[in-house]
Amino acid sequence: MSDYPLGSGDLLSIKVFGEEDLSLEVRLSDAGTISYPFLGELRVTGLSTGQLSLLIRDQLADGYLVRPNVNVTVLEYRQFFINGEVEKPGGYPFQPGLSLQKAVALAGGFTERASKSKVYVIHDGDEGRPPLRLRLTDSIRPGDIITIEESFF
């Protein structure tokens, strides 16, 4: 997920080759920032891992290191949330390649009253917009809020 936009709750591994003191694991704060040695608070929400690597590399090269080699990877994605007519509503760890059908399985499956056609999602960052309708094969993103409505026979 190289174009994955980082967001609050993601756990990152930042490695600066040859500089163990500058290599760390850090979770993005609620404000979407990380605290990094020498550089202080960095606002990283919405950046990809590649963009964050370049940002740190450029700032470290500006007076701290000669040609730093920086690698950023996501160790743990932020949770997605599923509520409504599933057996175990709640937050679950996101996994790349997650579809709605897999997300429902993680939540214990549909209840007997669940509507498989009235399933909606609010993507992380889209709060305030109307929910989108989902199909079982649609992809889920980190931070998504999924609602499974009740079926009326």
C-alpha atoms as a PDB file:
ATOM      1  CA  MET A   1       0.000   0.000   0.000  1.00  0.00           C
ATOM      2  CA  SER A   2       2.644   2.485  -1.090  1.00  0.00           C
ATOM      3  CA  ASP A   3       0.086   5.266  -1.710  1.00  0.00           C
ATOM      4  CA  TYR A   4      -1.657   4.613   1.620  1.00  0.00           C
ATOM      5  CA  PRO A   5      -2.298   7.933   3.414  1.00  0.00           C
ATOM      6  CA  LEU A   6      -1.026   7.801   6.987  1.00  0.00           C
ATOM      7  CA  GLY A   7      -3.475   8.644   9.758  1.00  0.00           C
ATOM      8  CA  SER A   8      -3.936   8.747  13.524  1.00  0.00           C
ATOM      9  CA  GLY A   9      -3.355   5.357  15.111  1.00  0.00           C
ATOM     10  CA  ASP A  10      -0.948   3.938  12.498  1.00  0.00           C
ATOM     11  CA  LEU A  11       2.209   2.371  13.971  1.00  0.00           C
ATOM     12  CA  LEU A  12       5.310   3.152  11.918  1.00  0.00           C
ATOM     13  CA  SER A  13       8.846   1.824  11.769  1.00  0.00           C
ATOM     14  CA  ILE A  14      11.349   4.509  10.798  1.00  0.00           C
ATOM     15  CA  LYS A  15      14.846   3.229  10.045  1.00  0.00           C
ATOM     16  CA  VAL A  16      17.850   5.408   9.267  1.00  0.00           C
ATOM     17  CA  PHE A  17      20.526   3.014   8.063  1.00  0.00           C
ATOM     18  CA  GLY A  18      23.717   3.255  10.115  1.00  0.00           C
ATOM     19  CA  GLU A  19      22.029   5.468  12.733  1.00  0.00           C
ATOM     20  CA  GLU A  20      20.391   3.262  15.383  1.00  0.00           C
ATOM     21  CA  ASP A  21      19.602   6.279  17.599  1.00  0.00           C
ATOM     22  CA  LEU A  22      17.418   7.714  14.821  1.00  0.00           C
ATOM     23  CA  SER A  23      15.580   4.436  14.118  1.00  0.00           C
ATOM     24  CA  LEU A  24      12.338   4.005  16.032  1.00  0.00           C
ATOM     25  CA  GLU A  25       8.788   2.695  16.150  1.00  0.00           C
ATOM     26  CA  VAL A  26       6.180   5.388  16.649  1.00  0.00           C
ATOM     27  CA  ARG A  27       2.382   5.615  16.594  1.00  0.00           C
ATOM     28  CA  LEU A  28       0.722   8.656  15.013  1.00  0.00           C
ATOM     29  CA  SER A  29      -0.992  10.804  17.626  1.00  0.00           C
ATOM     30  CA  ASP A  30      -4.630  11.878  17.492  1.00  0.00           C
ATOM     31  CA  ALA A  31      -3.363  15.082  15.880  1.00  0.00           C
ATOM     32  CA  GLY A  32      -1.615  13.060  13.148  1.00  0.00           C
ATOM     33  CA  THR A  33       1.879  13.942  14.318  1.00  0.00           C
ATOM     34  CA  ILE A  34       4.996  12.065  15.389  1.00  0.00           C
ATOM     35  CA  SER A  35       7.860  13.204  17.580  1.00  0.00           C
ATOM     36  CA  TYR A  36      11.216  12.587  15.920  1.00  0.00           C
ATOM     37  CA  PRO A  37      14.730  13.141  17.358  1.00  0.00           C
ATOM     38  CA  PHE A  38      16.347  16.448  16.292  1.00  0.00           C
ATOM     39  CA  LEU A  39      13.315  17.350  14.144  1.00  0.00           C
ATOM     40  CA  GLY A  40      10.630  17.614  16.842  1.00  0.00           C
ATOM     41  CA  GLU A  41       6.921  17.249  16.016  1.00  0.00           C
ATOM     42  CA  LEU A  42       6.244  16.336  12.386  1.00  0.00           C
ATOM     43  CA  ARG A  43       2.726  16.552  10.931  1.00  0.00           C
ATOM     44  CA  VAL A  44       2.402  13.421   8.790  1.00  0.00           C
ATOM     45  CA  THR A  45      -1.344  12.827   8.327  1.00  0.00           C
ATOM     46  CA  GLY A  46      -2.105  12.192   4.660  1.00  0.00           C
ATOM     47  CA  LEU A  47       1.503  11.548   3.660  1.00  0.00           C
ATOM     48  CA  SER A  48       2.507   8.191   2.159  1.00  0.00           C
ATOM     49  CA  THR A  49       5.395   6.226   3.666  1.00  0.00           C
ATOM     50  CA  GLY A  50       7.551   7.294   0.700  1.00  0.00           C
ATOM     51  CA  GLN A  51       6.721  10.964   1.220  1.00  0.00           C
ATOM     52  CA  LEU A  52       7.507  10.683   4.934  1.00  0.00           C
ATOM     53  CA  SER A  53      10.841   8.970   4.131  1.00  0.00           C
ATOM     54  CA  LEU A  54      11.763  11.892   1.859  1.00  0.00           C
ATOM     55  CA  LEU A  55      10.656  14.483   4.424  1.00  0.00           C
ATOM     56  CA  ILE A  56      12.796  12.951   7.179  1.00  0.00           C
ATOM     57  CA  ARG A  57      15.721  12.380   4.799  1.00  0.00           C
ATOM     58  CA  ASP A  58      15.676  15.991   3.587  1.00  0.00           C
ATOM     59  CA  GLN A  59      15.427  17.426   7.100  1.00  0.00           C
ATOM     60  CA  LEU A  60      18.198  15.163   8.460  1.00  0.00           C
ATOM     61  CA  ALA A  61      20.414  16.096   5.488  1.00  0.00           C
ATOM     62  CA  ASP A  62      19.955  19.762   6.366  1.00  0.00           C
ATOM     63  CA  GLY A  63      22.727  19.978   8.965  1.00  0.00           C
ATOM     64  CA  TYR A  64      22.567  16.617  10.759  1.00  0.00           C
ATOM     65  CA  LEU A  65      23.690  13.778   8.429  1.00  0.00           C
ATOM     66  CA  VAL A  66      25.394  13.384   5.063  1.00  0.00           C
ATOM     67  CA  ARG A  67      23.124  11.505   2.610  1.00  0.00           C
ATOM     68  CA  PRO A  68      20.865   9.741   5.147  1.00  0.00           C
ATOM     69  CA  ASN A  69      19.066   6.614   3.940  1.00  0.00           C
ATOM     70  CA  VAL A  70      15.571   6.560   5.500  1.00  0.00           C
ATOM     71  CA  ASN A  71      12.972   3.802   5.217  1.00  0.00           C
ATOM     72  CA  VAL A  72       9.435   4.086   6.637  1.00  0.00           C
ATOM     73  CA  THR A  73       7.037   1.134   6.855  1.00  0.00           C
ATOM     74  CA  VAL A  74       3.623   0.662   8.434  1.00  0.00           C
ATOM     75  CA  LEU A  75       3.830  -1.993  11.151  1.00  0.00           C
ATOM     76  CA  GLU A  76       0.202  -1.759  12.199  1.00  0.00           C
ATOM     77  CA  TYR A  77      -2.656  -0.009  10.407  1.00  0.00           C
ATOM     78  CA  ARG A  78      -5.332   1.868  12.327  1.00  0.00           C
ATOM     79  CA  GLN A  79      -8.495  -0.059  13.142  1.00  0.00           C
ATOM     80  CA  PHE A  80     -11.697  -0.161  11.139  1.00  0.00           C
ATOM     81  CA  PHE A  81     -15.040  -0.225  12.938  1.00  0.00           C
ATOM     82  CA  ILE A  82     -18.114  -2.291  12.201  1.00  0.00           C
ATOM     83  CA  ASN A  83     -21.492  -1.852  13.892  1.00  0.00           C
ATOM     84  CA  GLY A  84     -25.112  -2.782  13.449  1.00  0.00           C
ATOM     85  CA  GLU A  85     -26.280  -6.275  12.565  1.00  0.00           C
ATOM     86  CA  VAL A  86     -23.091  -8.283  13.127  1.00  0.00           C
ATOM     87  CA  GLU A  87     -22.493 -10.735  15.969  1.00  0.00           C
ATOM     88  CA  LYS A  88     -19.530  -8.838  17.507  1.00  0.00           C
ATOM     89  CA  PRO A  89     -19.587  -5.123  16.628  1.00  0.00           C
ATOM     90  CA  GLY A  90     -16.456  -3.134  17.432  1.00  0.00           C
ATOM     91  CA  GLY A  91     -13.028  -2.099  16.225  1.00  0.00           C
ATOM     92  CA  TYR A  92     -10.763  -4.571  14.440  1.00  0.00           C
ATOM     93  CA  PRO A  93      -7.189  -4.397  13.144  1.00  0.00           C
ATOM     94  CA  PHE A  94      -7.022  -3.540   9.464  1.00  0.00           C
ATOM     95  CA  GLN A  95      -5.220  -5.940   7.136  1.00  0.00           C
ATOM     96  CA  PRO A  96      -4.256  -5.114   3.535  1.00  0.00           C
ATOM     97  CA  GLY A  97      -6.668  -6.714   1.049  1.00  0.00           C
ATOM     98  CA  LEU A  98      -9.602  -6.587   3.461  1.00  0.00           C
ATOM     99  CA  SER A  99     -13.036  -6.791   1.806  1.00  0.00           C
ATOM    100  CA  LEU A 100     -16.416  -6.155   3.419  1.00  0.00           C
ATOM    101  CA  GLN A 101     -17.078  -9.907   3.435  1.00  0.00           C
ATOM    102  CA  LYS A 102     -13.840 -10.539   5.367  1.00  0.00           C
ATOM    103  CA  ALA A 103     -14.605  -7.663   7.754  1.00  0.00           C
ATOM    104  CA  VAL A 104     -18.016  -9.176   8.535  1.00  0.00           C
ATOM    105  CA  ALA A 105     -16.344 -12.550   9.148  1.00  0.00           C
ATOM    106  CA  LEU A 106     -13.940 -10.912  11.638  1.00  0.00           C
ATOM    107  CA  ALA A 107     -17.001  -9.497  13.437  1.00  0.00           C
ATOM    108  CA  GLY A 108     -18.538 -12.965  13.824  1.00  0.00           C
ATOM    109  CA  GLY A 109     -20.780 -12.836  10.752  1.00  0.00           C
ATOM    110  CA  PHE A 110     -24.161 -11.292  10.071  1.00  0.00           C
ATOM    111  CA  THR A 111     -26.995 -11.598  12.583  1.00  0.00           C
ATOM    112  CA  GLU A 112     -30.128 -13.301  11.282  1.00  0.00           C
ATOM    113  CA  ARG A 113     -31.782  -9.873  10.888  1.00  0.00           C
ATOM    114  CA  ALA A 114     -28.937  -8.318   8.892  1.00  0.00           C
ATOM    115  CA  SER A 115     -29.552  -6.780   5.489  1.00  0.00           C
ATOM    116  CA  LYS A 116     -26.788  -7.750   3.096  1.00  0.00           C
ATOM    117  CA  SER A 117     -27.816  -4.948   0.741  1.00  0.00           C
ATOM    118  CA  LYS A 118     -28.105  -2.094   3.262  1.00  0.00           C
ATOM    119  CA  VAL A 119     -24.447  -1.813   4.190  1.00  0.00           C
ATOM    120  CA  TYR A 120     -22.849   1.616   4.441  1.00  0.00           C
ATOM    121  CA  VAL A 121     -19.388   3.026   5.054  1.00  0.00           C
ATOM    122  CA  ILE A 122     -17.948   6.341   6.128  1.00  0.00           C
ATOM    123  CA  HIS A 123     -14.301   6.513   5.109  1.00  0.00           C
ATOM    124  CA  ASP A 124     -11.799   7.976   7.541  1.00  0.00           C
ATOM    125  CA  GLY A 125     -11.642  11.705   6.835  1.00  0.00           C
ATOM    126  CA  ASP A 126     -15.096  11.791   5.182  1.00  0.00           C
ATOM    127  CA  GLU A 127     -17.039  12.502   8.380  1.00  0.00           C
ATOM    128  CA  GLY A 128     -19.898  14.873   7.629  1.00  0.00           C
ATOM    129  CA  ARG A 129     -20.500  13.399   4.179  1.00  0.00           C
ATOM    130  CA  PRO A 130     -23.311  10.923   3.514  1.00  0.00           C
ATOM    131  CA  PRO A 131     -22.350   7.262   3.954  1.00  0.00           C
ATOM    132  CA  LEU A 132     -21.594   5.221   0.821  1.00  0.00           C
ATOM    133  CA  ARG A 133     -23.325   1.945   0.045  1.00  0.00           C
ATOM    134  CA  LEU A 134     -21.059  -1.136  -0.043  1.00  0.00           C
ATOM    135  CA  ARG A 135     -21.134  -4.544  -1.709  1.00  0.00           C
ATOM    136  CA  LEU A 136     -19.620  -7.632  -0.077  1.00  0.00           C
ATOM    137  CA  THR A 137     -16.676  -7.570  -2.497  1.00  0.00           C
ATOM    138  CA  ASP A 138     -15.798  -3.886  -1.901  1.00  0.00           C
ATOM    139  CA  SER A 139     -12.515  -3.028  -0.208  1.00  0.00           C
ATOM    140  CA  ILE A 140     -12.317  -1.692   3.323  1.00  0.00           C
ATOM    141  CA  ARG A 141      -9.795   0.977   4.330  1.00  0.00           C
ATOM    142  CA  PRO A 142      -8.147   1.654   7.688  1.00  0.00           C
ATOM    143  CA  GLY A 143     -10.329   3.897   9.847  1.00  0.00           C
ATOM    144  CA  ASP A 144     -13.548   3.018   7.981  1.00  0.00           C
ATOM    145  CA  ILE A 145     -16.805   2.948   9.918  1.00  0.00           C
ATOM    146  CA  ILE A 146     -19.120   0.260   8.542  1.00  0.00           C
ATOM    147  CA  THR A 147     -22.811   0.027   9.427  1.00  0.00           C
ATOM    148  CA  ILE A 148     -24.913  -3.068   8.665  1.00  0.00           C
ATOM    149  CA  GLU A 149     -28.603  -2.227   8.796  1.00  0.00           C
ATOM    150  CA  GLU A 150     -31.509  -4.456   9.775  1.00  0.00           C
ATOM    151  CA  SER A 151     -33.510  -6.178   7.066  1.00  0.00           C
ATOM    152  CA  PHE A 152     -37.276  -5.821   7.108  1.00  0.00           C
ATOM    153  CA  PHE A 153     -38.875  -8.877   5.567  1.00  0.00           C
END
